[in-house]
PDB file of all heavy atoms in Angstrom:
ATOM      1  N   GLY A   1      17.531   0.286  -4.560  1.00  0.00           N
ATOM      2  CA  GLY A   1      16.108   0.059  -4.319  1.00  0.00           C
ATOM      3  C   GLY A   1      15.852  -0.877  -3.162  1.00  0.00           C
ATOM      4  O   GLY A   1      14.831  -1.581  -3.137  1.00  0.00           O
ATOM      5  N   ALA A   2      16.751  -0.898  -2.185  1.00  0.00           N
ATOM      6  CA  ALA A   2      16.625  -1.833  -1.069  1.00  0.00           C
ATOM      7  C   ALA A   2      16.969  -1.156   0.249  1.00  0.00           C
ATOM      8  O   ALA A   2      17.701  -0.164   0.297  1.00  0.00           O
ATOM      9  CB  ALA A   2      17.532  -3.037  -1.285  1.00  0.00           C
ATOM     10  N   TYR A   3      16.422  -1.706   1.348  1.00  0.00           N
ATOM     11  CA  TYR A   3      16.730  -1.257   2.702  1.00  0.00           C
ATOM     12  C   TYR A   3      17.910  -2.064   3.246  1.00  0.00           C
ATOM     13  O   TYR A   3      17.964  -3.294   3.086  1.00  0.00           O
ATOM     14  CB  TYR A   3      15.529  -1.440   3.622  1.00  0.00           C
ATOM     15  CG  TYR A   3      14.411  -0.466   3.390  1.00  0.00           C
ATOM     16  CD1 TYR A   3      13.355  -0.778   2.537  1.00  0.00           C
ATOM     17  CD2 TYR A   3      14.393   0.773   4.021  1.00  0.00           C
ATOM     18  CE1 TYR A   3      12.316   0.108   2.327  1.00  0.00           C
ATOM     19  CE2 TYR A   3      13.353   1.680   3.821  1.00  0.00           C
ATOM     20  CZ  TYR A   3      12.326   1.338   2.974  1.00  0.00           C
ATOM     21  OH  TYR A   3      11.292   2.224   2.756  1.00  0.00           O
ATOM     22  N   GLN A   4      18.832  -1.371   3.917  1.00  0.00           N
ATOM     23  CA  GLN A   4      19.992  -2.045   4.480  1.00  0.00           C
ATOM     24  C   GLN A   4      19.603  -3.041   5.561  1.00  0.00           C
ATOM     25  O   GLN A   4      20.220  -4.114   5.686  1.00  0.00           O
ATOM     26  CB  GLN A   4      20.968  -1.015   5.051  1.00  0.00           C
ATOM     27  CG  GLN A   4      22.213  -1.621   5.688  1.00  0.00           C
ATOM     28  CD  GLN A   4      23.170  -0.569   6.232  1.00  0.00           C
ATOM     29  OE1 GLN A   4      22.981   0.625   6.017  1.00  0.00           O
ATOM     30  NE2 GLN A   4      24.209  -1.019   6.933  1.00  0.00           N
ATOM     31  N   TYR A   5      18.559  -2.722   6.350  1.00  0.00           N
ATOM     32  CA  TYR A   5      18.227  -3.544   7.511  1.00  0.00           C
ATOM     33  C   TYR A   5      16.960  -4.373   7.313  1.00  0.00           C
ATOM     34  O   TYR A   5      16.294  -4.750   8.279  1.00  0.00           O
ATOM     35  CB  TYR A   5      18.137  -2.670   8.760  1.00  0.00           C
ATOM     36  CG  TYR A   5      19.472  -2.038   9.100  1.00  0.00           C
ATOM     37  CD1 TYR A   5      19.748  -0.713   8.774  1.00  0.00           C
ATOM     38  CD2 TYR A   5      20.479  -2.794   9.693  1.00  0.00           C
ATOM     39  CE1 TYR A   5      20.980  -0.148   9.062  1.00  0.00           C
ATOM     40  CE2 TYR A   5      21.719  -2.239   9.981  1.00  0.00           C
ATOM     41  CZ  TYR A   5      21.969  -0.915   9.659  1.00  0.00           C
ATOM     42  OH  TYR A   5      23.197  -0.367   9.940  1.00  0.00           O
ATOM     43  N   LEU A   6      16.624  -4.670   6.049  1.00  0.00           N
ATOM     44  CA  LEU A   6      15.609  -5.666   5.727  1.00  0.00           C
ATOM     45  C   LEU A   6      16.296  -6.795   4.968  1.00  0.00           C
ATOM     46  O   LEU A   6      17.108  -6.557   4.073  1.00  0.00           O
ATOM     47  CB  LEU A   6      14.504  -5.071   4.844  1.00  0.00           C
ATOM     48  CG  LEU A   6      13.290  -4.424   5.510  1.00  0.00           C
ATOM     49  CD1 LEU A   6      12.272  -4.028   4.448  1.00  0.00           C
ATOM     50  CD2 LEU A   6      12.657  -5.339   6.536  1.00  0.00           C
ATOM     51  N   ASN A   7      15.951  -8.037   5.322  1.00  0.00           N
ATOM     52  CA  ASN A   7      16.545  -9.173   4.624  1.00  0.00           C
ATOM     53  C   ASN A   7      16.160  -9.158   3.150  1.00  0.00           C
ATOM     54  O   ASN A   7      15.027  -8.816   2.788  1.00  0.00           O
ATOM     55  CB  ASN A   7      16.091 -10.486   5.256  1.00  0.00           C
ATOM     56  CG  ASN A   7      16.616 -10.661   6.668  1.00  0.00           C
ATOM     57  OD1 ASN A   7      17.650 -10.083   7.033  1.00  0.00           O
ATOM     58  ND2 ASN A   7      15.915 -11.455   7.470  1.00  0.00           N
ATOM     59  N   ALA A   8      17.103  -9.562   2.317  1.00  0.00           N
ATOM     60  CA  ALA A   8      16.870  -9.535   0.874  1.00  0.00           C
ATOM     61  C   ALA A   8      15.939 -10.651   0.414  1.00  0.00           C
ATOM     62  O   ALA A   8      15.058 -10.428  -0.423  1.00  0.00           O
ATOM     63  CB  ALA A   8      18.200  -9.621   0.133  1.00  0.00           C
ATOM     64  N   SER A   9      16.093 -11.844   0.961  1.00  0.00           N
ATOM     65  CA  SER A   9      15.330 -12.978   0.431  1.00  0.00           C
ATOM     66  C   SER A   9      14.808 -13.921   1.503  1.00  0.00           C
ATOM     67  O   SER A   9      14.463 -15.067   1.217  1.00  0.00           O
ATOM     68  CB  SER A   9      16.217 -13.766  -0.550  1.00  0.00           C
ATOM     69  OG  SER A   9      17.411 -14.200   0.080  1.00  0.00           O
ATOM     70  N   SER A  10      14.729 -13.450   2.729  1.00  0.00           N
ATOM     71  CA  SER A  10      14.209 -14.300   3.803  1.00  0.00           C
ATOM     72  C   SER A  10      13.352 -13.473   4.748  1.00  0.00           C
ATOM     73  O   SER A  10      13.543 -12.269   4.901  1.00  0.00           O
ATOM     74  CB  SER A  10      15.361 -14.959   4.577  1.00  0.00           C
ATOM     75  OG  SER A  10      16.147 -13.976   5.231  1.00  0.00           O
ATOM     76  N   GLY A  11      12.421 -14.146   5.394  1.00  0.00           N
ATOM     77  CA  GLY A  11      11.543 -13.475   6.341  1.00  0.00           C
ATOM     78  C   GLY A  11      10.234 -13.055   5.695  1.00  0.00           C
ATOM     79  O   GLY A  11      10.172 -12.742   4.498  1.00  0.00           O
ATOM     80  N   LEU A  12       9.181 -13.032   6.494  1.00  0.00           N
ATOM     81  CA  LEU A  12       7.834 -12.748   5.998  1.00  0.00           C
ATOM     82  C   LEU A  12       7.563 -11.256   5.907  1.00  0.00           C
ATOM     83  O   LEU A  12       7.742 -10.521   6.876  1.00  0.00           O
ATOM     84  CB  LEU A  12       6.796 -13.400   6.925  1.00  0.00           C
ATOM     85  CG  LEU A  12       5.325 -13.079   6.648  1.00  0.00           C
ATOM     86  CD1 LEU A  12       4.913 -13.580   5.273  1.00  0.00           C
ATOM     87  CD2 LEU A  12       4.441 -13.672   7.743  1.00  0.00           C
ATOM     88  N   ILE A  13       7.119 -10.812   4.725  1.00  0.00           N
ATOM     89  CA  ILE A  13       6.624  -9.451   4.539  1.00  0.00           C
ATOM     90  C   ILE A  13       5.209  -9.545   3.998  1.00  0.00           C
ATOM     91  O   ILE A  13       4.975 -10.138   2.933  1.00  0.00           O
ATOM     92  CB  ILE A  13       7.511  -8.637   3.581  1.00  0.00           C
ATOM     93  CG1 ILE A  13       8.929  -8.490   4.150  1.00  0.00           C
ATOM     94  CG2 ILE A  13       6.898  -7.263   3.320  1.00  0.00           C
ATOM     95  CD1 ILE A  13       9.871  -7.703   3.261  1.00  0.00           C
ATOM     96  N   LYS A  14       4.253  -8.969   4.729  1.00  0.00           N
ATOM     97  CA  LYS A  14       2.867  -8.925   4.276  1.00  0.00           C
ATOM     98  C   LYS A  14       2.671  -7.684   3.402  1.00  0.00           C
ATOM     99  O   LYS A  14       3.081  -6.590   3.774  1.00  0.00           O
ATOM    100  CB  LYS A  14       1.922  -8.882   5.476  1.00  0.00           C
ATOM    101  CG  LYS A  14       2.018 -10.091   6.385  1.00  0.00           C
ATOM    102  CD  LYS A  14       1.065  -9.960   7.576  1.00  0.00           C
ATOM    103  CE  LYS A  14       1.172 -11.160   8.503  1.00  0.00           C
ATOM    104  NZ  LYS A  14       0.264 -11.041   9.679  1.00  0.00           N
ATOM    105  N   VAL A  15       2.036  -7.870   2.252  1.00  0.00           N
ATOM    106  CA  VAL A  15       1.879  -6.800   1.270  1.00  0.00           C
ATOM    107  C   VAL A  15       0.393  -6.535   1.044  1.00  0.00           C
ATOM    108  O   VAL A  15      -0.393  -7.480   0.908  1.00  0.00           O
ATOM    109  CB  VAL A  15       2.552  -7.171  -0.071  1.00  0.00           C
ATOM    110  CG1 VAL A  15       2.410  -6.040  -1.077  1.00  0.00           C
ATOM    111  CG2 VAL A  15       4.026  -7.513   0.150  1.00  0.00           C
ATOM    112  N   THR A  16       0.024  -5.247   1.012  1.00  0.00           N
ATOM    113  CA  THR A  16      -1.358  -4.856   0.743  1.00  0.00           C
ATOM    114  C   THR A  16      -1.385  -3.878  -0.419  1.00  0.00           C
ATOM    115  O   THR A  16      -0.622  -2.902  -0.432  1.00  0.00           O
ATOM    116  CB  THR A  16      -2.005  -4.206   1.978  1.00  0.00           C
ATOM    117  OG1 THR A  16      -1.879  -5.080   3.098  1.00  0.00           O
ATOM    118  CG2 THR A  16      -3.482  -3.917   1.736  1.00  0.00           C
ATOM    119  N   ASN A  17      -2.264  -4.128  -1.387  1.00  0.00           N
ATOM    120  CA  ASN A  17      -2.455  -3.233  -2.522  1.00  0.00           C
ATOM    121  C   ASN A  17      -3.819  -2.572  -2.424  1.00  0.00           C
ATOM    122  O   ASN A  17      -4.769  -3.143  -1.865  1.00  0.00           O
ATOM    123  CB  ASN A  17      -2.350  -4.008  -3.843  1.00  0.00           C
ATOM    124  CG  ASN A  17      -0.992  -4.664  -4.016  1.00  0.00           C
ATOM    125  OD1 ASN A  17       0.037  -4.034  -3.778  1.00  0.00           O
ATOM    126  ND2 ASN A  17      -0.973  -5.934  -4.420  1.00  0.00           N
ATOM    127  N   TYR A  18      -3.937  -1.365  -2.986  1.00  0.00           N
ATOM    128  CA  TYR A  18      -5.161  -0.574  -2.861  1.00  0.00           C
ATOM    129  C   TYR A  18      -5.623  -0.065  -4.219  1.00  0.00           C
ATOM    130  O   TYR A  18      -4.834   0.105  -5.154  1.00  0.00           O
ATOM    131  CB  TYR A  18      -4.935   0.636  -1.945  1.00  0.00           C
ATOM    132  CG  TYR A  18      -4.497   0.283  -0.550  1.00  0.00           C
ATOM    133  CD1 TYR A  18      -3.151   0.098  -0.245  1.00  0.00           C
ATOM    134  CD2 TYR A  18      -5.428   0.124   0.469  1.00  0.00           C
ATOM    135  CE1 TYR A  18      -2.747  -0.244   1.029  1.00  0.00           C
ATOM    136  CE2 TYR A  18      -5.026  -0.213   1.755  1.00  0.00           C
ATOM    137  CZ  TYR A  18      -3.685  -0.389   2.029  1.00  0.00           C
ATOM    138  OH  TYR A  18      -3.287  -0.724   3.301  1.00  0.00           O
ATOM    139  N   SER A  19      -6.922   0.206  -4.292  1.00  0.00           N
ATOM    140  CA  SER A  19      -7.489   0.960  -5.406  1.00  0.00           C
ATOM    141  C   SER A  19      -8.199   2.161  -4.828  1.00  0.00           C
ATOM    142  O   SER A  19      -8.724   2.113  -3.714  1.00  0.00           O
ATOM    143  CB  SER A  19      -8.466   0.099  -6.215  1.00  0.00           C
ATOM    144  OG  SER A  19      -9.558  -0.321  -5.406  1.00  0.00           O
ATOM    145  N   ALA A  20      -8.220   3.250  -5.572  1.00  0.00           N
ATOM    146  CA  ALA A  20      -8.814   4.496  -5.082  1.00  0.00           C
ATOM    147  C   ALA A  20      -9.963   4.907  -5.979  1.00  0.00           C
ATOM    148  O   ALA A  20      -9.930   4.738  -7.195  1.00  0.00           O
ATOM    149  CB  ALA A  20      -7.771   5.606  -5.038  1.00  0.00           C
ATOM    150  N   SER A  21     -11.012   5.432  -5.357  1.00  0.00           N
ATOM    151  CA  SER A  21     -12.120   6.007  -6.107  1.00  0.00           C
ATOM    152  C   SER A  21     -12.558   7.276  -5.410  1.00  0.00           C
ATOM    153  O   SER A  21     -12.380   7.431  -4.204  1.00  0.00           O
ATOM    154  CB  SER A  21     -13.287   5.023  -6.201  1.00  0.00           C
ATOM    155  OG  SER A  21     -13.776   4.712  -4.907  1.00  0.00           O
ATOM    156  N   THR A  22     -13.139   8.197  -6.165  1.00  0.00           N
ATOM    157  CA  THR A  22     -13.521   9.487  -5.619  1.00  0.00           C
ATOM    158  C   THR A  22     -15.029   9.639  -5.595  1.00  0.00           C
ATOM    159  O   THR A  22     -15.701   9.430  -6.600  1.00  0.00           O
ATOM    160  CB  THR A  22     -12.910  10.635  -6.440  1.00  0.00           C
ATOM    161  OG1 THR A  22     -11.498  10.486  -6.469  1.00  0.00           O
ATOM    162  CG2 THR A  22     -13.261  11.986  -5.840  1.00  0.00           C
ATOM    163  N   ASN A  23     -15.579   9.973  -4.425  1.00  0.00           N
ATOM    164  CA  ASN A  23     -16.986  10.318  -4.290  1.00  0.00           C
ATOM    165  C   ASN A  23     -17.075  11.838  -4.340  1.00  0.00           C
ATOM    166  O   ASN A  23     -16.807  12.525  -3.340  1.00  0.00           O
ATOM    167  CB  ASN A  23     -17.542   9.775  -2.969  1.00  0.00           C
ATOM    168  CG  ASN A  23     -19.051   9.975  -2.847  1.00  0.00           C
ATOM    169  OD1 ASN A  23     -19.583  10.991  -3.283  1.00  0.00           O
ATOM    170  ND2 ASN A  23     -19.714   9.003  -2.260  1.00  0.00           N
ATOM    171  N   ILE A  24     -17.417  12.385  -5.503  1.00  0.00           N
ATOM    172  CA  ILE A  24     -17.398  13.830  -5.682  1.00  0.00           C
ATOM    173  C   ILE A  24     -18.402  14.515  -4.765  1.00  0.00           C
ATOM    174  O   ILE A  24     -18.137  15.577  -4.204  1.00  0.00           O
ATOM    175  CB  ILE A  24     -17.678  14.187  -7.161  1.00  0.00           C
ATOM    176  CG1 ILE A  24     -16.560  13.611  -8.044  1.00  0.00           C
ATOM    177  CG2 ILE A  24     -17.774  15.688  -7.355  1.00  0.00           C
ATOM    178  CD1 ILE A  24     -16.782  13.806  -9.524  1.00  0.00           C
ATOM    179  N   ALA A  25     -19.571  13.897  -4.571  1.00  0.00           N
ATOM    180  CA  ALA A  25     -20.607  14.528  -3.745  1.00  0.00           C
ATOM    181  C   ALA A  25     -20.145  14.729  -2.316  1.00  0.00           C
ATOM    182  O   ALA A  25     -20.481  15.713  -1.667  1.00  0.00           O
ATOM    183  CB  ALA A  25     -21.884  13.694  -3.774  1.00  0.00           C
ATOM    184  N   LEU A  26     -19.326  13.782  -1.824  1.00  0.00           N
ATOM    185  CA  LEU A  26     -18.838  13.876  -0.450  1.00  0.00           C
ATOM    186  C   LEU A  26     -17.432  14.456  -0.383  1.00  0.00           C
ATOM    187  O   LEU A  26     -16.870  14.595   0.697  1.00  0.00           O
ATOM    188  CB  LEU A  26     -18.860  12.496   0.217  1.00  0.00           C
ATOM    189  CG  LEU A  26     -20.235  11.850   0.397  1.00  0.00           C
ATOM    190  CD1 LEU A  26     -20.085  10.482   1.039  1.00  0.00           C
ATOM    191  CD2 LEU A  26     -21.162  12.725   1.215  1.00  0.00           C
ATOM    192  N   GLY A  27     -16.862  14.771  -1.547  1.00  0.00           N
ATOM    193  CA  GLY A  27     -15.504  15.307  -1.554  1.00  0.00           C
ATOM    194  C   GLY A  27     -14.504  14.346  -0.964  1.00  0.00           C
ATOM    195  O   GLY A  27     -13.544  14.728  -0.308  1.00  0.00           O
ATOM    196  N   GLN A  28     -14.687  13.060  -1.224  1.00  0.00           N
ATOM    197  CA  GLN A  28     -13.964  12.035  -0.488  1.00  0.00           C
ATOM    198  C   GLN A  28     -13.286  11.058  -1.427  1.00  0.00           C
ATOM    199  O   GLN A  28     -13.899  10.564  -2.369  1.00  0.00           O
ATOM    200  CB  GLN A  28     -14.956  11.289   0.402  1.00  0.00           C
ATOM    201  CG  GLN A  28     -14.366  10.182   1.252  1.00  0.00           C
ATOM    202  CD  GLN A  28     -15.469   9.417   1.943  1.00  0.00           C
ATOM    203  OE1 GLN A  28     -15.915   8.396   1.471  1.00  0.00           O
ATOM    204  NE2 GLN A  28     -15.926   9.936   3.074  1.00  0.00           N
ATOM    205  N   VAL A  29     -12.016  10.796  -1.189  1.00  0.00           N
ATOM    206  CA  VAL A  29     -11.310   9.736  -1.884  1.00  0.00           C
ATOM    207  C   VAL A  29     -11.350   8.491  -1.001  1.00  0.00           C
ATOM    208  O   VAL A  29     -10.907   8.529   0.142  1.00  0.00           O
ATOM    209  CB  VAL A  29      -9.854  10.120  -2.193  1.00  0.00           C
ATOM    210  CG1 VAL A  29      -9.130   8.954  -2.856  1.00  0.00           C
ATOM    211  CG2 VAL A  29      -9.807  11.343  -3.089  1.00  0.00           C
ATOM    212  N   ARG A  30     -11.900   7.425  -1.535  1.00  0.00           N
ATOM    213  CA  ARG A  30     -12.006   6.182  -0.775  1.00  0.00           C
ATOM    214  C   ARG A  30     -10.918   5.224  -1.229  1.00  0.00           C
ATOM    215  O   ARG A  30     -10.697   5.046  -2.421  1.00  0.00           O
ATOM    216  CB  ARG A  30     -13.386   5.545  -0.965  1.00  0.00           C
ATOM    217  CG  ARG A  30     -14.533   6.357  -0.436  1.00  0.00           C
ATOM    218  CD  ARG A  30     -15.745   5.467  -0.247  1.00  0.00           C
ATOM    219  NE  ARG A  30     -16.128   4.804  -1.481  1.00  0.00           N
ATOM    220  CZ  ARG A  30     -17.083   5.238  -2.297  1.00  0.00           C
ATOM    221  NH1 ARG A  30     -17.736   6.335  -2.001  1.00  0.00           N
ATOM    222  NH2 ARG A  30     -17.382   4.584  -3.395  1.00  0.00           N
ATOM    223  N   TYR A  31     -10.272   4.580  -0.279  1.00  0.00           N
ATOM    224  CA  TYR A  31      -9.237   3.600  -0.585  1.00  0.00           C
ATOM    225  C   TYR A  31      -9.752   2.231  -0.178  1.00  0.00           C
ATOM    226  O   TYR A  31     -10.139   2.016   0.958  1.00  0.00           O
ATOM    227  CB  TYR A  31      -7.945   3.928   0.154  1.00  0.00           C
ATOM    228  CG  TYR A  31      -7.316   5.214  -0.316  1.00  0.00           C
ATOM    229  CD1 TYR A  31      -7.678   6.427   0.235  1.00  0.00           C
ATOM    230  CD2 TYR A  31      -6.376   5.206  -1.340  1.00  0.00           C
ATOM    231  CE1 TYR A  31      -7.105   7.614  -0.206  1.00  0.00           C
ATOM    232  CE2 TYR A  31      -5.796   6.383  -1.787  1.00  0.00           C
ATOM    233  CZ  TYR A  31      -6.175   7.577  -1.214  1.00  0.00           C
ATOM    234  OH  TYR A  31      -5.608   8.748  -1.658  1.00  0.00           O
ATOM    235  N   SER A  32      -9.748   1.324  -1.133  1.00  0.00           N
ATOM    236  CA  SER A  32     -10.225  -0.026  -0.882  1.00  0.00           C
ATOM    237  C   SER A  32      -9.099  -1.007  -1.173  1.00  0.00           C
ATOM    238  O   SER A  32      -8.322  -0.818  -2.116  1.00  0.00           O
ATOM    239  CB  SER A  32     -11.437  -0.347  -1.767  1.00  0.00           C
ATOM    240  OG  SER A  32     -12.470   0.597  -1.577  1.00  0.00           O
TER     241      SER A  32
END
């Protein structure tokens, strides 16, 4: 479950999480 060329425990990784909702009228999935 790891990348060979990413440090295991050092260096900054910025993480972003999302939630999804669906606007049926517009046929659109919005990611926030």
